[in-house]
Amino acid sequence: MKVLRGEIAAGIRQHVLDRYVSPARRSGKKDVRVSVRDVARTLQIKRRFPAICDALTAQKFLSEAQIEVASIEGPPSGQSSTVTYVYRLTPAPGAP
């Protein structure tokens, strides 16, 4: 079965939201770190690091997760397994 690119991106976004962003928000953290390598390993995605990086910096993901990219650590290309994103959690609508 062929997996469409949009389905891969949606799976990546949902995984990061469920495993990183939501738990950080529940515990009251102000930011969260996400390693592209860790996402790839957990989801068993091989040689698709640019797709992971694109999914994790897409405006759609940032809006849905209510986060902002605070910093990007890694090579200048920003498209590698060694990239780590630091996201700032923005207040949810209606939050104090």
Protein backbone atom coordinates (compact mmCIF):
# COMPACT_ATOMS: atom_id res chain seq x y z
CA MET A 1 0.00 0.00 0.00
CA LYS A 2 1.36 3.40 -0.98
CA VAL A 3 1.35 6.00 1.80
CA LEU A 4 0.68 9.50 0.59
CA ARG A 5 2.98 12.32 1.61
CA GLY A 6 0.14 14.16 3.38
CA GLU A 7 -0.62 11.07 5.43
CA ILE A 8 3.00 10.83 6.55
CA ALA A 9 3.02 14.50 7.56
CA ALA A 10 -0.27 14.13 9.42
CA GLY A 11 1.09 11.12 11.31
CA ILE A 12 4.25 13.00 12.24
CA ARG A 13 2.29 16.02 13.45
CA GLN A 14 -0.10 13.89 15.52
CA HIS A 15 2.75 11.93 17.08
CA VAL A 16 4.61 15.07 18.16
CA LEU A 17 1.43 16.63 19.48
CA ASP A 18 0.54 13.50 21.50
CA ARG A 19 4.01 12.59 22.74
CA TYR A 20 5.67 15.96 23.26
CA VAL A 21 3.41 19.01 23.08
CA SER A 22 0.33 17.85 25.01
CA PRO A 23 2.29 16.34 27.92
CA ALA A 24 4.44 19.48 28.18
CA ARG A 25 1.34 21.67 28.20
CA ARG A 26 -0.35 19.49 30.88
CA SER A 27 2.72 19.68 33.10
CA GLY A 28 2.85 23.47 32.83
CA LYS A 29 6.05 23.72 30.79
CA LYS A 30 6.67 26.79 28.68
CA ASP A 31 8.68 25.03 26.00
CA VAL A 32 9.40 21.60 24.58
CA ARG A 33 12.30 20.04 22.65
CA VAL A 34 11.73 17.66 19.76
CA SER A 35 14.55 15.72 18.10
CA VAL A 36 14.01 14.75 14.46
CA ARG A 37 16.07 11.60 15.05
CA ASP A 38 13.80 10.55 17.94
CA VAL A 39 10.66 11.12 15.88
CA ALA A 40 12.09 9.08 13.00
CA ARG A 41 13.09 6.21 15.29
CA THR A 42 9.77 6.07 17.10
CA LEU A 43 7.72 6.18 13.90
CA GLN A 44 10.20 3.93 12.08
CA ILE A 45 10.64 6.42 9.25
CA LYS A 46 13.89 5.92 7.37
CA ARG A 47 15.67 8.45 5.18
CA ARG A 48 12.77 10.92 5.28
CA PHE A 49 14.35 13.54 7.51
CA PRO A 50 13.42 16.48 5.24
CA ALA A 51 9.77 15.35 5.36
CA ILE A 52 9.89 15.24 9.16
CA CYS A 53 11.50 18.68 9.31
CA ASP A 54 8.92 20.10 6.90
CA ALA A 55 6.04 18.65 8.93
CA LEU A 56 7.44 20.06 12.17
CA THR A 57 7.85 23.59 10.82
CA ALA A 58 4.63 23.77 8.79
CA GLN A 59 2.32 26.63 9.72
CA LYS A 60 -0.54 24.11 9.87
CA PHE A 61 1.24 22.17 12.63
CA LEU A 62 2.29 25.27 14.57
CA SER A 63 -1.26 26.64 14.51
CA GLU A 64 -2.94 23.35 15.42
CA ALA A 65 -0.50 22.68 18.26
CA GLN A 66 -0.55 26.32 19.43
CA ILE A 67 3.24 26.53 19.46
CA GLU A 68 5.97 28.75 18.04
CA VAL A 69 9.45 27.74 16.96
CA ALA A 70 11.74 29.27 19.59
CA SER A 71 14.94 27.88 18.07
CA ILE A 72 16.30 25.28 15.69
CA GLU A 73 19.49 23.44 16.63
CA GLY A 74 21.45 21.61 13.97
CA PRO A 75 22.99 22.17 10.57
CA PRO A 76 22.22 25.28 8.51
CA SER A 77 20.11 23.26 6.06
CA GLY A 78 17.64 22.48 8.85
CA GLN A 79 16.89 19.19 7.07
CA SER A 80 18.74 16.51 9.00
CA SER A 81 18.38 13.81 11.62
CA THR A 82 20.48 15.99 13.90
CA VAL A 83 17.95 18.84 14.00
CA THR A 84 16.24 19.58 17.30
CA TYR A 85 13.34 22.01 17.48
CA VAL A 86 12.61 24.00 20.60
CA TYR A 87 8.99 25.09 20.62
CA ARG A 88 7.44 27.74 22.85
CA LEU A 89 3.97 26.74 24.01
CA THR A 90 1.54 29.56 23.41
CA PRO A 91 -1.49 30.03 25.65
CA ALA A 92 -4.60 28.16 24.57
CA PRO A 93 -7.56 30.37 23.64
CA GLY A 94 -9.42 31.32 26.80
CA ALA A 95 -6.43 30.53 29.03
CA PRO A 96 -5.54 33.06 31.73
